[in-house]
Amino acid sequence: MKEIKAFIRPNKVNEIVQQLKEKGFENMTISTAEGTGKFQDDKAFVSQKFSITDSPMAKIEMVVAKEKVNTVVSIISKYGKTLNPGDGLIYVSDVEKVYRVKTGLENGEK
């Protein structure tokens, strides 16, 4: 299993999520985020929550089978890009185990 974390522009979330769902990726977490980096666009501002951030972002998190990673990354890249600096980043990490909160059992156990 792989965890995918995508930091993208907030105005791209709806289209990305729609495309992911159409391809069968129903389970994801979406949250707002703020970031800072070497890029500052004309609309950047100092956050009222955090004094060092300057870019509103959205974060999509999901766990998928290893063989599905390229499909998810392709969808996020295709529908998330604006071809301008600051479009975001996608991280892919290994997931060692998954446990269900309800049962405490490792995913797949009955």
PDB file of N, CA and C in Angstrom:
ATOM      1  N   MET A   1       0.844  -1.180   0.000  1.00  0.00           N
ATOM      2  CA  MET A   1       0.000   0.000   0.000  1.00  0.00           C
ATOM      3  C   MET A   1       0.889   1.243   0.000  1.00  0.00           C
ATOM      4  N   LYS A   2       0.376   2.295  -0.600  1.00  0.00           N
ATOM      5  CA  LYS A   2       1.095   3.563  -0.690  1.00  0.00           C
ATOM      6  C   LYS A   2       0.179   4.696  -0.227  1.00  0.00           C
ATOM      7  N   GLU A   3       0.766   5.653   0.479  1.00  0.00           N
ATOM      8  CA  GLU A   3       0.037   6.860   0.855  1.00  0.00           C
ATOM      9  C   GLU A   3       0.433   7.963  -0.112  1.00  0.00           C
ATOM     10  N   ILE A   4      -0.570   8.650  -0.615  1.00  0.00           N
ATOM     11  CA  ILE A   4      -0.337   9.783  -1.501  1.00  0.00           C
ATOM     12  C   ILE A   4      -0.823  11.038  -0.799  1.00  0.00           C
ATOM     13  N   LYS A   5       0.051  12.037  -0.709  1.00  0.00           N
ATOM     14  CA  LYS A   5      -0.305  13.351  -0.174  1.00  0.00           C
ATOM     15  C   LYS A   5      -0.049  14.345  -1.288  1.00  0.00           C
ATOM     16  N   ALA A   6      -1.082  15.040  -1.688  1.00  0.00           N
ATOM     17  CA  ALA A   6      -0.951  16.031  -2.747  1.00  0.00           C
ATOM     18  C   ALA A   6      -1.301  17.399  -2.192  1.00  0.00           C
ATOM     19  N   PHE A   7      -0.382  18.330  -2.325  1.00  0.00           N
ATOM     20  CA  PHE A   7      -0.618  19.720  -1.947  1.00  0.00           C
ATOM     21  C   PHE A   7      -0.881  20.478  -3.232  1.00  0.00           C
ATOM     22  N   ILE A   8      -2.092  20.983  -3.373  1.00  0.00           N
ATOM     23  CA  ILE A   8      -2.524  21.576  -4.642  1.00  0.00           C
ATOM     24  C   ILE A   8      -3.207  22.923  -4.404  1.00  0.00           C
ATOM     25  N   ARG A   9      -3.464  23.616  -5.491  1.00  0.00           N
ATOM     26  CA  ARG A   9      -4.200  24.872  -5.407  1.00  0.00           C
ATOM     27  C   ARG A   9      -5.657  24.569  -5.034  1.00  0.00           C
ATOM     28  N   PRO A  10      -6.217  25.342  -4.107  1.00  0.00           N
ATOM     29  CA  PRO A  10      -7.596  25.084  -3.661  1.00  0.00           C
ATOM     30  C   PRO A  10      -8.623  25.095  -4.790  1.00  0.00           C
ATOM     31  N   ASN A  11      -8.430  25.929  -5.792  1.00  0.00           N
ATOM     32  CA  ASN A  11      -9.412  26.010  -6.878  1.00  0.00           C
ATOM     33  C   ASN A  11      -9.371  24.801  -7.810  1.00  0.00           C
ATOM     34  N   LYS A  12      -8.454  23.868  -7.583  1.00  0.00           N
ATOM     35  CA  LYS A  12      -8.346  22.671  -8.414  1.00  0.00           C
ATOM     36  C   LYS A  12      -8.937  21.425  -7.732  1.00  0.00           C
ATOM     37  N   VAL A  13      -9.321  21.552  -6.467  1.00  0.00           N
ATOM     38  CA  VAL A  13      -9.771  20.383  -5.690  1.00  0.00           C
ATOM     39  C   VAL A  13     -10.981  19.711  -6.315  1.00  0.00           C
ATOM     40  N   ASN A  14     -12.032  20.460  -6.616  1.00  0.00           N
ATOM     41  CA  ASN A  14     -13.266  19.847  -7.096  1.00  0.00           C
ATOM     42  C   ASN A  14     -13.060  19.025  -8.354  1.00  0.00           C
ATOM     43  N   GLU A  15     -12.317  19.555  -9.287  1.00  0.00           N
ATOM     44  CA  GLU A  15     -12.088  18.829 -10.538  1.00  0.00           C
ATOM     45  C   GLU A  15     -11.246  17.577 -10.308  1.00  0.00           C
ATOM     46  N   ILE A  16     -10.224  17.678  -9.480  1.00  0.00           N
ATOM     47  CA  ILE A  16      -9.381  16.515  -9.185  1.00  0.00           C
ATOM     48  C   ILE A  16     -10.196  15.431  -8.499  1.00  0.00           C
ATOM     49  N   VAL A  17     -10.964  15.804  -7.481  1.00  0.00           N
ATOM     50  CA  VAL A  17     -11.767  14.824  -6.747  1.00  0.00           C
ATOM     51  C   VAL A  17     -12.790  14.169  -7.670  1.00  0.00           C
ATOM     52  N   GLN A  18     -13.421  14.947  -8.526  1.00  0.00           N
ATOM     53  CA  GLN A  18     -14.380  14.387  -9.481  1.00  0.00           C
ATOM     54  C   GLN A  18     -13.716  13.350 -10.372  1.00  0.00           C
ATOM     55  N   GLN A  19     -12.539  13.677 -10.895  1.00  0.00           N
ATOM     56  CA  GLN A  19     -11.827  12.750 -11.772  1.00  0.00           C
ATOM     57  C   GLN A  19     -11.383  11.492 -11.025  1.00  0.00           C
ATOM     58  N   LEU A  20     -10.906  11.660  -9.783  1.00  0.00           N
ATOM     59  CA  LEU A  20     -10.508  10.499  -8.986  1.00  0.00           C
ATOM     60  C   LEU A  20     -11.702   9.583  -8.743  1.00  0.00           C
ATOM     61  N   LYS A  21     -12.853  10.161  -8.395  1.00  0.00           N
ATOM     62  CA  LYS A  21     -14.050   9.358  -8.142  1.00  0.00           C
ATOM     63  C   LYS A  21     -14.509   8.632  -9.397  1.00  0.00           C
ATOM     64  N   GLU A  22     -14.433   9.303 -10.536  1.00  0.00           N
ATOM     65  CA  GLU A  22     -14.828   8.662 -11.798  1.00  0.00           C
ATOM     66  C   GLU A  22     -13.949   7.462 -12.127  1.00  0.00           C
ATOM     67  N   LYS A  23     -12.717   7.467 -11.628  1.00  0.00           N
ATOM     68  CA  LYS A  23     -11.797   6.343 -11.860  1.00  0.00           C
ATOM     69  C   LYS A  23     -11.854   5.326 -10.720  1.00  0.00           C
ATOM     70  N   GLY A  24     -12.797   5.497  -9.789  1.00  0.00           N
ATOM     71  CA  GLY A  24     -12.998   4.508  -8.737  1.00  0.00           C
ATOM     72  C   GLY A  24     -12.276   4.775  -7.432  1.00  0.00           C
ATOM     73  N   PHE A  25     -11.662   5.924  -7.286  1.00  0.00           N
ATOM     74  CA  PHE A  25     -10.971   6.272  -6.043  1.00  0.00           C
ATOM     75  C   PHE A  25     -11.919   7.094  -5.179  1.00  0.00           C
ATOM     76  N   GLU A  26     -12.638   6.418  -4.304  1.00  0.00           N
ATOM     77  CA  GLU A  26     -13.680   7.051  -3.496  1.00  0.00           C
ATOM     78  C   GLU A  26     -13.180   7.545  -2.148  1.00  0.00           C
ATOM     79  N   ASN A  27     -12.143   6.918  -1.607  1.00  0.00           N
ATOM     80  CA  ASN A  27     -11.724   7.212  -0.235  1.00  0.00           C
ATOM     81  C   ASN A  27     -10.530   8.151  -0.208  1.00  0.00           C
ATOM     82  N   MET A  28     -10.754   9.327   0.342  1.00  0.00           N
ATOM     83  CA  MET A  28      -9.677  10.307   0.463  1.00  0.00           C
ATOM     84  C   MET A  28     -10.042  11.302   1.558  1.00  0.00           C
ATOM     85  N   THR A  29      -9.051  11.979   2.046  1.00  0.00           N
ATOM     86  CA  THR A  29      -9.239  13.059   3.010  1.00  0.00           C
ATOM     87  C   THR A  29      -8.792  14.337   2.340  1.00  0.00           C
ATOM     88  N   ILE A  30      -9.622  15.363   2.474  1.00  0.00           N
ATOM     89  CA  ILE A  30      -9.309  16.653   1.871  1.00  0.00           C
ATOM     90  C   ILE A  30      -9.309  17.687   2.985  1.00  0.00           C
ATOM     91  N   SER A  31      -8.261  18.479   3.037  1.00  0.00           N
ATOM     92  CA  SER A  31      -8.186  19.509   4.074  1.00  0.00           C
ATOM     93  C   SER A  31      -7.534  20.763   3.505  1.00  0.00           C
ATOM     94  N   THR A  32      -7.744  21.864   4.219  1.00  0.00           N
ATOM     95  CA  THR A  32      -7.082  23.092   3.825  1.00  0.00           C
ATOM     96  C   THR A  32      -5.713  23.124   4.487  1.00  0.00           C
ATOM     97  N   ALA A  33      -4.790  23.762   3.835  1.00  0.00           N
ATOM     98  CA  ALA A  33      -3.424  23.850   4.349  1.00  0.00           C
ATOM     99  C   ALA A  33      -2.866  25.215   3.967  1.00  0.00           C
ATOM    100  N   GLU A  34      -1.778  25.569   4.590  1.00  0.00           N
ATOM    101  CA  GLU A  34      -1.057  26.779   4.229  1.00  0.00           C
ATOM    102  C   GLU A  34       0.400  26.409   4.083  1.00  0.00           C
ATOM    103  N   GLY A  35       1.079  27.056   3.187  1.00  0.00           N
ATOM    104  CA  GLY A  35       2.470  26.703   2.979  1.00  0.00           C
ATOM    105  C   GLY A  35       3.322  27.903   2.657  1.00  0.00           C
ATOM    106  N   THR A  36       4.587  27.635   2.625  1.00  0.00           N
ATOM    107  CA  THR A  36       5.545  28.651   2.220  1.00  0.00           C
ATOM    108  C   THR A  36       6.662  27.964   1.457  1.00  0.00           C
ATOM    109  N   GLY A  37       7.233  28.646   0.562  1.00  0.00           N
ATOM    110  CA  GLY A  37       8.319  28.109  -0.250  1.00  0.00           C
ATOM    111  C   GLY A  37       9.001  29.248  -0.957  1.00  0.00           C
ATOM    112  N   LYS A  38       9.773  28.910  -1.967  1.00  0.00           N
ATOM    113  CA  LYS A  38      10.479  29.978  -2.668  1.00  0.00           C
ATOM    114  C   LYS A  38       9.558  30.764  -3.589  1.00  0.00           C
ATOM    115  N   PHE A  39       8.403  30.188  -3.916  1.00  0.00           N
ATOM    116  CA  PHE A  39       7.462  30.860  -4.801  1.00  0.00           C
ATOM    117  C   PHE A  39       6.501  31.727  -4.007  1.00  0.00           C
ATOM    118  N   GLN A  40       6.308  32.937  -4.456  1.00  0.00           N
ATOM    119  CA  GLN A  40       5.269  33.804  -3.918  1.00  0.00           C
ATOM    120  C   GLN A  40       4.543  34.415  -5.103  1.00  0.00           C
ATOM    121  N   ASP A  41       3.241  34.143  -5.193  1.00  0.00           N
ATOM    122  CA  ASP A  41       2.510  34.755  -6.294  1.00  0.00           C
ATOM    123  C   ASP A  41       1.960  36.114  -5.878  1.00  0.00           C
ATOM    124  N   ASP A  42       1.355  36.800  -6.817  1.00  0.00           N
ATOM    125  CA  ASP A  42       0.847  38.155  -6.567  1.00  0.00           C
ATOM    126  C   ASP A  42      -0.264  38.166  -5.528  1.00  0.00           C
ATOM    127  N   LYS A  43      -0.943  37.030  -5.356  1.00  0.00           N
ATOM    128  CA  LYS A  43      -2.060  36.956  -4.421  1.00  0.00           C
ATOM    129  C   LYS A  43      -1.637  36.434  -3.054  1.00  0.00           C
ATOM    130  N   ALA A  44      -0.364  36.170  -2.862  1.00  0.00           N
ATOM    131  CA  ALA A  44       0.130  35.660  -1.579  1.00  0.00           C
ATOM    132  C   ALA A  44      -0.095  36.700  -0.490  1.00  0.00           C
ATOM    133  N   PHE A  45      -0.345  36.214   0.702  1.00  0.00           N
ATOM    134  CA  PHE A  45      -0.569  37.100   1.833  1.00  0.00           C
ATOM    135  C   PHE A  45      -0.066  36.434   3.091  1.00  0.00           C
ATOM    136  N   VAL A  46       0.186  37.217   4.100  1.00  0.00           N
ATOM    137  CA  VAL A  46       0.607  36.663   5.378  1.00  0.00           C
ATOM    138  C   VAL A  46      -0.636  36.143   6.079  1.00  0.00           C
ATOM    139  N   SER A  47      -0.603  34.903   6.489  1.00  0.00           N
ATOM    140  CA  SER A  47      -1.733  34.260   7.128  1.00  0.00           C
ATOM    141  C   SER A  47      -2.062  34.904   8.466  1.00  0.00           C
ATOM    142  N   GLN A  48      -3.316  34.903   8.805  1.00  0.00           N
ATOM    143  CA  GLN A  48      -3.717  35.383  10.127  1.00  0.00           C
ATOM    144  C   GLN A  48      -3.478  34.313  11.184  1.00  0.00           C
ATOM    145  N   LYS A  49      -3.383  33.058  10.766  1.00  0.00           N
ATOM    146  CA  LYS A  49      -3.154  31.962  11.708  1.00  0.00           C
ATOM    147  C   LYS A  49      -1.670  31.732  11.955  1.00  0.00           C
ATOM    148  N   PHE A  50      -0.894  31.780  10.888  1.00  0.00           N
ATOM    149  CA  PHE A  50       0.532  31.491  10.973  1.00  0.00           C
ATOM    150  C   PHE A  50       1.287  32.634  10.321  1.00  0.00           C
ATOM    151  N   SER A  51       2.179  33.243  11.045  1.00  0.00           N
ATOM    152  CA  SER A  51       2.827  34.444  10.534  1.00  0.00           C
ATOM    153  C   SER A  51       3.865  34.182   9.451  1.00  0.00           C
ATOM    154  N   ILE A  52       4.239  32.927   9.217  1.00  0.00           N
ATOM    155  CA  ILE A  52       5.286  32.666   8.223  1.00  0.00           C
ATOM    156  C   ILE A  52       4.766  32.071   6.917  1.00  0.00           C
ATOM    157  N   THR A  53       3.480  31.769   6.834  1.00  0.00           N
ATOM    158  CA  THR A  53       2.958  31.166   5.600  1.00  0.00           C
ATOM    159  C   THR A  53       2.450  32.238   4.654  1.00  0.00           C
ATOM    160  N   ASP A  54       2.430  31.903   3.384  1.00  0.00           N
ATOM    161  CA  ASP A  54       1.991  32.891   2.408  1.00  0.00           C
ATOM    162  C   ASP A  54       1.155  32.326   1.270  1.00  0.00           C
ATOM    163  N   SER A  55       0.870  31.046   1.283  1.00  0.00           N
ATOM    164  CA  SER A  55       0.130  30.461   0.178  1.00  0.00           C
ATOM    165  C   SER A  55      -0.962  29.529   0.680  1.00  0.00           C
ATOM    166  N   PRO A  56      -2.224  29.828   0.376  1.00  0.00           N
ATOM    167  CA  PRO A  56      -3.282  28.878   0.707  1.00  0.00           C
ATOM    168  C   PRO A  56      -3.150  27.652  -0.185  1.00  0.00           C
ATOM    169  N   MET A  57      -3.294  26.476   0.390  1.00  0.00           N
ATOM    170  CA  MET A  57      -3.192  25.224  -0.351  1.00  0.00           C
ATOM    171  C   MET A  57      -4.312  24.301   0.110  1.00  0.00           C
ATOM    172  N   ALA A  58      -4.544  23.261  -0.628  1.00  0.00           N
ATOM    173  CA  ALA A  58      -5.416  22.174  -0.224  1.00  0.00           C
ATOM    174  C   ALA A  58      -4.574  20.909  -0.205  1.00  0.00           C
ATOM    175  N   LYS A  59      -4.952  19.977   0.669  1.00  0.00           N
ATOM    176  CA  LYS A  59      -4.213  18.714   0.753  1.00  0.00           C
ATOM    177  C   LYS A  59      -5.186  17.563   0.544  1.00  0.00           C
ATOM    178  N   ILE A  60      -4.833  16.691  -0.378  1.00  0.00           N
ATOM    179  CA  ILE A  60      -5.584  15.456  -0.601  1.00  0.00           C
ATOM    180  C   ILE A  60      -4.702  14.322  -0.121  1.00  0.00           C
ATOM    181  N   GLU A  61      -5.247  13.479   0.752  1.00  0.00           N
ATOM    182  CA  GLU A  61      -4.522  12.318   1.260  1.00  0.00           C
ATOM    183  C   GLU A  61      -5.321  11.066   0.937  1.00  0.00           C
ATOM    184  N   MET A  62      -4.619  10.045   0.487  1.00  0.00           N
ATOM    185  CA  MET A  62      -5.281   8.776   0.204  1.00  0.00           C
ATOM    186  C   MET A  62      -4.269   7.637   0.257  1.00  0.00           C
ATOM    187  N   VAL A  63      -4.777   6.451   0.503  1.00  0.00           N
ATOM    188  CA  VAL A  63      -3.955   5.241   0.496  1.00  0.00           C
ATOM    189  C   VAL A  63      -4.493   4.341  -0.608  1.00  0.00           C
ATOM    190  N   VAL A  64      -3.580   3.899  -1.466  1.00  0.00           N
ATOM    191  CA  VAL A  64      -3.972   3.078  -2.606  1.00  0.00           C
ATOM    192  C   VAL A  64      -3.008   1.906  -2.754  1.00  0.00           C
ATOM    193  N   ALA A  65      -3.435   0.927  -3.528  1.00  0.00           N
ATOM    194  CA  ALA A  65      -2.550  -0.194  -3.851  1.00  0.00           C
ATOM    195  C   ALA A  65      -1.374   0.334  -4.675  1.00  0.00           C
ATOM    196  N   LYS A  66      -0.233  -0.300  -4.503  1.00  0.00           N
ATOM    197  CA  LYS A  66       1.004   0.117  -5.172  1.00  0.00           C
ATOM    198  C   LYS A  66       0.816   0.299  -6.679  1.00  0.00           C
ATOM    199  N   GLU A  67       0.076  -0.608  -7.291  1.00  0.00           N
ATOM    200  CA  GLU A  67      -0.097  -0.559  -8.740  1.00  0.00           C
ATOM    201  C   GLU A  67      -1.041   0.559  -9.209  1.00  0.00           C
ATOM    202  N   LYS A  68      -1.709   1.242  -8.277  1.00  0.00           N
ATOM    203  CA  LYS A  68      -2.626   2.340  -8.626  1.00  0.00           C
ATOM    204  C   LYS A  68      -1.979   3.724  -8.498  1.00  0.00           C
ATOM    205  N   VAL A  69      -0.759   3.776  -7.968  1.00  0.00           N
ATOM    206  CA  VAL A  69      -0.102   5.060  -7.698  1.00  0.00           C
ATOM    207  C   VAL A  69       0.037   5.904  -8.956  1.00  0.00           C
ATOM    208  N   ASN A  70       0.522   5.336 -10.033  1.00  0.00           N
ATOM    209  CA  ASN A  70       0.736   6.118 -11.256  1.00  0.00           C
ATOM    210  C   ASN A  70      -0.564   6.709 -11.793  1.00  0.00           C
ATOM    211  N   THR A  71      -1.661   5.966 -11.672  1.00  0.00           N
ATOM    212  CA  THR A  71      -2.960   6.478 -12.121  1.00  0.00           C
ATOM    213  C   THR A  71      -3.365   7.695 -11.309  1.00  0.00           C
ATOM    214  N   VAL A  72      -3.246   7.598  -9.974  1.00  0.00           N
ATOM    215  CA  VAL A  72      -3.629   8.708  -9.102  1.00  0.00           C
ATOM    216  C   VAL A  72      -2.739   9.922  -9.346  1.00  0.00           C
ATOM    217  N   VAL A  73      -1.441   9.713  -9.424  1.00  0.00           N
ATOM    218  CA  VAL A  73      -0.509  10.816  -9.659  1.00  0.00           C
ATOM    219  C   VAL A  73      -0.802  11.483 -11.007  1.00  0.00           C
ATOM    220  N   SER A  74      -1.108  10.692 -12.010  1.00  0.00           N
ATOM    221  CA  SER A  74      -1.432  11.252 -13.331  1.00  0.00           C
ATOM    222  C   SER A  74      -2.683  12.122 -13.289  1.00  0.00           C
ATOM    223  N   ILE A  75      -3.704  11.656 -12.590  1.00  0.00           N
ATOM    224  CA  ILE A  75      -4.949  12.436 -12.473  1.00  0.00           C
ATOM    225  C   ILE A  75      -4.693  13.751 -11.752  1.00  0.00           C
ATOM    226  N   ILE A  76      -3.995  13.681 -10.623  1.00  0.00           N
ATOM    227  CA  ILE A  76      -3.725  14.897  -9.848  1.00  0.00           C
ATOM    228  C   ILE A  76      -2.881  15.868 -10.670  1.00  0.00           C
ATOM    229  N   SER A  77      -1.884  15.366 -11.362  1.00  0.00           N
ATOM    230  CA  SER A  77      -1.020  16.226 -12.179  1.00  0.00           C
ATOM    231  C   SER A  77      -1.787  16.855 -13.337  1.00  0.00           C
ATOM    232  N   LYS A  78      -2.564  16.049 -14.030  1.00  0.00           N
ATOM    233  CA  LYS A  78      -3.294  16.541 -15.202  1.00  0.00           C
ATOM    234  C   LYS A  78      -4.304  17.616 -14.838  1.00  0.00           C
ATOM    235  N   TYR A  79      -5.089  17.374 -13.789  1.00  0.00           N
ATOM    236  CA  TYR A  79      -6.168  18.291 -13.447  1.00  0.00           C
ATOM    237  C   TYR A  79      -5.774  19.342 -12.412  1.00  0.00           C
ATOM    238  N   GLY A  80      -4.565  19.234 -11.858  1.00  0.00           N
ATOM    239  CA  GLY A  80      -4.126  20.193 -10.855  1.00  0.00           C
ATOM    240  C   GLY A  80      -3.198  21.261 -11.368  1.00  0.00           C
ATOM    241  N   LYS A  81      -2.669  21.060 -12.554  1.00  0.00           N
ATOM    242  CA  LYS A  81      -1.661  22.012 -13.022  1.00  0.00           C
ATOM    243  C   LYS A  81      -2.286  23.243 -13.665  1.00  0.00           C
ATOM    244  N   THR A  82      -1.577  24.355 -13.500  1.00  0.00           N
ATOM    245  CA  THR A  82      -1.936  25.596 -14.173  1.00  0.00           C
ATOM    246  C   THR A  82      -0.783  26.051 -15.073  1.00  0.00           C
ATOM    247  N   LEU A  83       0.323  25.328 -14.994  1.00  0.00           N
ATOM    248  CA  LEU A  83       1.563  25.644 -15.707  1.00  0.00           C
ATOM    249  C   LEU A  83       2.252  26.887 -15.147  1.00  0.00           C
ATOM    250  N   ASN A  84       1.867  27.280 -13.948  1.00  0.00           N
ATOM    251  CA  ASN A  84       2.504  28.385 -13.254  1.00  0.00           C
ATOM    252  C   ASN A  84       3.255  27.859 -12.045  1.00  0.00           C
ATOM    253  N   PRO A  85       4.285  28.575 -11.601  1.00  0.00           N
ATOM    254  CA  PRO A  85       4.976  28.151 -10.377  1.00  0.00           C
ATOM    255  C   PRO A  85       3.997  28.087  -9.202  1.00  0.00           C
ATOM    256  N   GLY A  86       4.227  27.144  -8.309  1.00  0.00           N
ATOM    257  CA  GLY A  86       3.386  27.025  -7.120  1.00  0.00           C
ATOM    258  C   GLY A  86       2.185  26.123  -7.284  1.00  0.00           C
ATOM    259  N   ASP A  87       2.169  25.279  -8.324  1.00  0.00           N
ATOM    260  CA  ASP A  87       1.044  24.374  -8.528  1.00  0.00           C
ATOM    261  C   ASP A  87       0.956  23.298  -7.449  1.00  0.00           C
ATOM    262  N   GLY A  88       2.049  23.017  -6.748  1.00  0.00           N
ATOM    263  CA  GLY A  88       1.990  22.068  -5.643  1.00  0.00           C
ATOM    264  C   GLY A  88       2.966  20.922  -5.773  1.00  0.00           C
ATOM    265  N   LEU A  89       2.814  19.973  -4.863  1.00  0.00           N
ATOM    266  CA  LEU A  89       3.688  18.799  -4.787  1.00  0.00           C
ATOM    267  C   LEU A  89       2.854  17.562  -4.495  1.00  0.00           C
ATOM    268  N   ILE A  90       3.372  16.409  -4.919  1.00  0.00           N
ATOM    269  CA  ILE A  90       2.749  15.119  -4.609  1.00  0.00           C
ATOM    270  C   ILE A  90       3.808  14.249  -3.960  1.00  0.00           C
ATOM    271  N   TYR A  91       3.495  13.745  -2.773  1.00  0.00           N
ATOM    272  CA  TYR A  91       4.399  12.836  -2.058  1.00  0.00           C
ATOM    273  C   TYR A  91       3.801  11.435  -2.077  1.00  0.00           C
ATOM    274  N   VAL A  92       4.640  10.429  -2.263  1.00  0.00           N
ATOM    275  CA  VAL A  92       4.217   9.033  -2.206  1.00  0.00           C
ATOM    276  C   VAL A  92       5.091   8.336  -1.179  1.00  0.00           C
ATOM    277  N   SER A  93       4.453   7.686  -0.201  1.00  0.00           N
ATOM    278  CA  SER A  93       5.166   7.006   0.888  1.00  0.00           C
ATOM    279  C   SER A  93       4.639   5.594   1.063  1.00  0.00           C
ATOM    280  N   ASP A  94       5.474   4.740   1.623  1.00  0.00           N
ATOM    281  CA  ASP A  94       5.049   3.382   1.951  1.00  0.00           C
ATOM    282  C   ASP A  94       4.127   3.390   3.163  1.00  0.00           C
ATOM    283  N   VAL A  95       3.154   2.490   3.150  1.00  0.00           N
ATOM    284  CA  VAL A  95       2.280   2.264   4.300  1.00  0.00           C
ATOM    285  C   VAL A  95       2.548   0.839   4.760  1.00  0.00           C
ATOM    286  N   GLU A  96       3.049   0.700   5.977  1.00  0.00           N
ATOM    287  CA  GLU A  96       3.388  -0.629   6.485  1.00  0.00           C
ATOM    288  C   GLU A  96       2.154  -1.426   6.880  1.00  0.00           C
ATOM    289  N   LYS A  97       1.249  -0.800   7.612  1.00  0.00           N
ATOM    290  CA  LYS A  97       0.049  -1.493   8.077  1.00  0.00           C
ATOM    291  C   LYS A  97      -1.101  -0.514   8.160  1.00  0.00           C
ATOM    292  N   VAL A  98      -2.305  -1.065   8.098  1.00  0.00           N
ATOM    293  CA  VAL A  98      -3.526  -0.285   8.268  1.00  0.00           C
ATOM    294  C   VAL A  98      -4.395  -1.018   9.286  1.00  0.00           C
ATOM    295  N   TYR A  99      -4.895  -0.292  10.273  1.00  0.00           N
ATOM    296  CA  TYR A  99      -5.766  -0.867  11.288  1.00  0.00           C
ATOM    297  C   TYR A  99      -7.109  -0.164  11.261  1.00  0.00           C
ATOM    298  N   ARG A 100      -8.161  -0.925  11.476  1.00  0.00           N
ATOM    299  CA  ARG A 100      -9.490  -0.338  11.577  1.00  0.00           C
ATOM    300  C   ARG A 100      -9.695   0.146  13.008  1.00  0.00           C
ATOM    301  N   VAL A 101     -10.154   1.371  13.162  1.00  0.00           N
ATOM    302  CA  VAL A 101     -10.386   1.929  14.483  1.00  0.00           C
ATOM    303  C   VAL A 101     -11.467   1.129  15.213  1.00  0.00           C
ATOM    304  N   LYS A 102     -12.515   0.767  14.515  1.00  0.00           N
ATOM    305  CA  LYS A 102     -13.662   0.065  15.102  1.00  0.00           C
ATOM    306  C   LYS A 102     -13.262  -1.257  15.757  1.00  0.00           C
ATOM    307  N   THR A 103     -12.390  -2.025  15.088  1.00  0.00           N
ATOM    308  CA  THR A 103     -12.066  -3.368  15.581  1.00  0.00           C
ATOM    309  C   THR A 103     -10.652  -3.504  16.134  1.00  0.00           C
ATOM    310  N   GLY A 104      -9.780  -2.594  15.753  1.00  0.00           N
ATOM    311  CA  GLY A 104      -8.378  -2.707  16.147  1.00  0.00           C
ATOM    312  C   GLY A 104      -7.624  -3.759  15.356  1.00  0.00           C
ATOM    313  N   LEU A 105      -8.307  -4.361  14.384  1.00  0.00           N
ATOM    314  CA  LEU A 105      -7.676  -5.422  13.592  1.00  0.00           C
ATOM    315  C   LEU A 105      -6.987  -4.822  12.368  1.00  0.00           C
ATOM    316  N   GLU A 106      -5.934  -5.499  11.964  1.00  0.00           N
ATOM    317  CA  GLU A 106      -5.245  -5.083  10.764  1.00  0.00           C
ATOM    318  C   GLU A 106      -6.193  -5.255   9.575  1.00  0.00           C
ATOM    319  N   ASN A 107      -6.116  -4.326   8.628  1.00  0.00           N
ATOM    320  CA  ASN A 107      -7.001  -4.354   7.464  1.00  0.00           C
ATOM    321  C   ASN A 107      -6.899  -5.714   6.776  1.00  0.00           C
ATOM    322  N   GLY A 108      -8.038  -6.267   6.448  1.00  0.00           N
ATOM    323  CA  GLY A 108      -8.054  -7.567   5.810  1.00  0.00           C
ATOM    324  C   GLY A 108      -8.377  -8.705   6.775  1.00  0.00           C
ATOM    325  N   GLU A 109      -8.121  -8.504   8.078  1.00  0.00           N
ATOM    326  CA  GLU A 109      -8.460  -9.515   9.077  1.00  0.00           C
ATOM    327  C   GLU A 109      -9.940  -9.436   9.372  1.00  0.00           C
ATOM    328  N   LYS A 110     -10.524 -10.546   9.697  1.00  0.00           N
ATOM    329  CA  LYS A 110     -11.959 -10.607  10.022  1.00  0.00           C
ATOM    330  C   LYS A 110     -12.176 -10.598  11.510  1.00  0.00           C
TER     331      LYS A 110
END
